[in-house]
Amino acid sequence: MKYFNILATAAISLLLVACSSESDKTAFKQYELAKKNRDLHQLHTALITLNTLDPESFESELNTIKQSVALLKQLNSDLSFSSNYLISHQANLLFNSKQAKQAIVPGREREHFVNS
């Protein structure tokens, strides 16, 4: 299944690059970079753009990323450490992002998300 996902992503990548405008190519490059860097915020932004271009290919992934963003928005200094940890862990299970891992590190501010 993992290899199928990799092949499907590669096929979609080739199709998008071959049949798209320069701005579409830029959006896909941002998507690939965000995935490589595990940057939830950048991935969310890129998927919103790509979903408008090809909803069939990106809607499911966008919905998963939206769920992860929504969970991280629930983090709150008024909650106990264990509650924040569980929320962060749930977000990380949806997408292994640097934001989810850093969300509960003491002394760090949680990142703010827009475009959700």
Protein backbone atom coordinates (compact mmCIF):
# COMPACT_ATOMS: atom_id res chain seq x y z
CA MET A 1 0.00 0.00 0.00
CA LYS A 2 2.85 2.35 0.83
CA TYR A 3 4.42 1.79 -2.59
CA PHE A 4 1.07 2.33 -4.27
CA ASN A 5 0.76 5.71 -2.55
CA ILE A 6 4.26 6.66 -3.65
CA LEU A 7 3.54 5.60 -7.24
CA ALA A 8 0.19 7.40 -7.24
CA THR A 9 1.81 10.58 -5.93
CA ALA A 10 4.54 10.33 -8.56
CA ALA A 11 1.96 9.81 -11.33
CA ILE A 12 -0.08 12.78 -10.14
CA SER A 13 3.11 14.83 -9.94
CA LEU A 14 4.05 14.05 -13.51
CA LEU A 15 0.55 14.74 -14.74
CA LEU A 16 0.35 18.07 -12.93
CA VAL A 17 3.78 19.21 -14.04
CA ALA A 18 3.18 18.23 -17.66
CA CYS A 19 -0.29 19.74 -17.97
CA SER A 20 -0.20 22.80 -15.81
CA SER A 21 0.66 26.46 -15.87
CA GLU A 22 3.66 27.99 -14.13
CA SER A 23 1.60 28.95 -11.06
CA ASP A 24 0.28 25.39 -10.81
CA LYS A 25 3.82 24.05 -10.96
CA THR A 26 4.84 26.48 -8.23
CA ALA A 27 1.97 25.29 -6.03
CA PHE A 28 3.01 21.68 -6.51
CA LYS A 29 6.65 22.50 -5.71
CA GLN A 30 5.47 24.20 -2.50
CA TYR A 31 3.45 21.07 -1.71
CA GLU A 32 6.47 18.80 -2.20
CA LEU A 33 8.72 21.06 -0.14
CA ALA A 34 6.17 21.28 2.68
CA LYS A 35 5.86 17.48 2.80
CA LYS A 36 9.63 17.08 2.79
CA ASN A 37 10.02 19.61 5.61
CA ARG A 38 6.95 18.27 7.45
CA ASP A 39 5.59 21.81 7.65
CA LEU A 40 1.90 21.55 8.42
CA HIS A 41 1.11 25.20 7.78
CA GLN A 42 2.82 25.30 4.37
CA LEU A 43 1.30 21.95 3.40
CA HIS A 44 -2.15 23.19 4.36
CA THR A 45 -1.73 26.30 2.21
CA ALA A 46 -0.37 24.32 -0.77
CA LEU A 47 -3.16 21.74 -0.54
CA ILE A 48 -5.83 24.43 -0.57
CA THR A 49 -4.40 25.65 -3.89
CA LEU A 50 -3.92 22.16 -5.34
CA ASN A 51 -7.39 21.10 -4.27
CA THR A 52 -8.91 23.87 -6.38
CA LEU A 53 -6.94 22.54 -9.37
CA ASP A 54 -7.61 18.83 -8.85
CA PRO A 55 -10.10 18.02 -6.06
CA GLU A 56 -10.12 14.29 -6.82
CA SER A 57 -6.42 13.96 -6.11
CA PHE A 58 -6.03 16.28 -3.13
CA GLU A 59 -9.33 16.51 -1.25
CA SER A 60 -8.72 13.52 1.00
CA GLU A 61 -5.24 14.69 1.99
CA LEU A 62 -6.50 18.24 2.52
CA ASN A 63 -9.21 16.96 4.86
CA THR A 64 -6.64 15.03 6.90
CA ILE A 65 -4.41 18.10 7.16
CA LYS A 66 -7.40 20.23 8.17
CA GLN A 67 -8.10 17.77 10.99
CA SER A 68 -4.51 18.02 12.18
CA VAL A 69 -4.64 21.83 12.07
CA ALA A 70 -7.94 21.84 13.98
CA LEU A 71 -6.45 19.63 16.69
CA LEU A 72 -3.42 21.89 17.09
CA LYS A 73 -5.72 24.89 17.41
CA GLN A 74 -7.22 23.18 20.47
CA LEU A 75 -3.92 23.38 22.34
CA ASN A 76 -4.28 25.69 25.26
CA SER A 77 -2.10 26.78 28.15
CA ASP A 78 -5.11 26.31 30.42
CA LEU A 79 -5.18 22.59 29.68
CA SER A 80 -3.00 20.13 31.55
CA PHE A 81 0.26 18.98 30.03
CA SER A 82 -1.20 15.50 29.46
CA SER A 83 -4.26 16.91 27.65
CA ASN A 84 -2.07 19.03 25.39
CA TYR A 85 0.22 16.04 24.82
CA LEU A 86 -2.70 13.85 23.73
CA ILE A 87 -4.01 16.52 21.36
CA SER A 88 -0.54 17.00 19.89
CA HIS A 89 -0.09 13.26 19.53
CA GLN A 90 -3.44 12.90 17.71
CA ALA A 91 -2.43 15.69 15.31
CA ASN A 92 0.93 14.01 14.76
CA LEU A 93 -0.74 10.69 13.95
CA LEU A 94 -2.70 12.40 11.19
CA PHE A 95 0.43 14.04 9.77
CA ASN A 96 3.91 13.77 11.21
CA SER A 97 4.55 17.51 11.35
CA LYS A 98 7.20 19.55 13.09
CA GLN A 99 4.43 21.74 14.53
CA ALA A 100 2.74 18.81 16.26
CA LYS A 101 6.04 17.66 17.74
CA GLN A 102 6.99 21.16 18.90
CA ALA A 103 3.57 22.03 20.25
CA ILE A 104 4.22 20.76 23.73
CA VAL A 105 7.91 21.55 24.09
CA PRO A 106 8.17 23.83 27.14
CA GLY A 107 9.05 27.41 26.36
CA ARG A 108 7.83 27.33 22.77
CA GLU A 109 4.83 29.16 21.51
CA ARG A 110 2.46 27.09 19.43
CA GLU A 111 2.28 28.15 15.82
CA HIS A 112 -0.78 29.98 14.69
CA PHE A 113 -2.67 28.63 11.73
CA VAL A 114 -4.66 30.56 9.19
CA ASN A 115 -6.69 29.45 6.18
CA SER A 116 -8.37 26.61 8.02
